[in-house]
Protein backbone atom coordinates (compact mmCIF):
# COMPACT_ATOMS: atom_id res chain seq x y z
CA MET A 1 -11.10 -0.62 7.34
CA ARG A 2 -11.11 -2.96 4.34
CA LYS A 3 -7.95 -4.62 3.06
CA LEU A 4 -8.01 -5.57 -0.65
CA LEU A 5 -5.20 -7.71 -2.08
CA VAL A 6 -3.54 -6.04 -5.07
CA GLY A 7 -0.76 -8.56 -5.68
CA GLU A 8 1.80 -11.03 -4.42
CA VAL A 9 5.41 -11.26 -5.58
CA PRO A 10 8.38 -13.40 -4.57
CA CYS A 11 10.64 -11.43 -2.28
CA LEU A 12 13.64 -12.85 -0.46
CA SER A 13 12.63 -16.41 0.45
CA SER A 14 8.95 -15.61 0.89
CA GLN A 15 5.98 -13.87 -0.76
CA ALA A 16 5.33 -10.18 -0.28
CA ARG A 17 1.66 -9.18 -0.30
CA TYR A 18 0.43 -5.73 -1.31
CA TYR A 19 -2.92 -4.33 -0.26
CA LEU A 20 -5.12 -1.35 -0.98
CA LEU A 21 -6.65 -0.07 2.26
CA GLU A 22 -10.06 1.56 2.21
CA GLU A 23 -11.67 3.37 5.10
CA ASN A 24 -14.59 5.73 5.40
CA VAL A 25 -13.79 8.99 7.10
CA GLU A 26 -16.93 10.37 8.67
CA GLY A 27 -18.07 13.48 6.85
CA PHE A 28 -15.41 13.13 4.13
CA GLY A 29 -16.11 9.81 2.37
CA PRO A 30 -13.60 7.12 1.45
CA SER A 31 -9.86 7.44 1.92
CA TYR A 32 -7.25 5.02 0.63
CA GLY A 33 -3.87 3.77 1.77
CA VAL A 34 -1.45 0.88 1.20
CA ARG A 35 -0.10 -2.04 3.19
CA VAL A 36 2.84 -4.40 2.63
CA GLU A 37 3.25 -7.72 4.43
CA LEU A 38 6.34 -9.92 4.26
CA GLU A 39 6.70 -12.87 6.62
CA LYS A 40 6.34 -11.34 10.11
CA GLU A 41 6.95 -7.76 8.98
CA GLU A 42 4.20 -5.38 7.95
CA ALA A 43 3.84 -1.69 7.26
CA SER A 44 0.88 0.50 6.36
CA VAL A 45 0.32 4.08 5.34
CA THR A 46 -3.29 5.22 5.57
CA ASP A 47 -5.21 8.26 4.37
CA LEU A 48 -3.04 8.92 1.31
CA SER A 49 -5.76 10.09 -1.07
CA PRO A 50 -9.49 10.04 -1.73
CA SER A 51 -8.65 8.70 -5.24
CA ARG A 52 -8.91 4.92 -5.27
CA GLN A 53 -7.29 4.67 -8.72
CA ARG A 54 -4.28 6.78 -7.74
CA VAL A 55 -3.56 4.70 -4.63
CA GLN A 56 -4.24 1.44 -6.49
CA ASP A 57 -1.63 2.51 -9.06
CA LEU A 58 0.79 3.11 -6.18
CA ALA A 59 0.09 -0.34 -4.71
CA GLU A 60 0.69 -1.96 -8.11
CA ALA A 61 3.98 -0.05 -8.48
CA LEU A 62 5.03 -1.24 -5.01
CA ALA A 63 4.40 -4.83 -6.11
CA ARG A 64 6.31 -4.38 -9.39
CA GLY A 65 9.26 -3.01 -7.43
CA ALA A 66 9.02 -5.67 -4.71
CA VAL A 67 9.09 -2.97 -2.03
CA THR A 68 9.45 -4.43 1.46
CA PRO A 69 7.75 -3.15 4.61
CA VAL A 70 11.02 -1.49 5.66
CA GLY A 71 11.14 0.62 2.48
CA LEU A 72 7.44 1.44 2.24
CA ARG A 73 7.54 4.81 4.00
CA ASP A 74 10.44 6.12 1.87
CA VAL A 75 8.71 5.12 -1.37
CA VAL A 76 5.40 6.66 -0.24
CA ASP A 77 7.17 9.88 0.78
CA ASP A 78 8.69 10.14 -2.72
CA TRP A 79 5.30 9.37 -4.29
CA LEU A 80 3.66 12.16 -2.29
CA LEU A 81 6.20 14.65 -3.63
CA GLU A 82 5.39 13.87 -7.28
């Protein structure tokens, strides 16, 4: 799995880092997910979409909103319902 930095934003007293995750699923091609890291907390959601651009847009929105690892799953769940 590759982890590509999308952005860093100040959050609380630290920097939150937002990543696009890329993995190759055998027989299906690439699949993308997101990861948020803040101090010692981290959260990831993998296999969201085969569309790199769609998941990159999500990762950029997470950074704009300064979403923390704790809130990642709720935001992704809402995004999946759009």
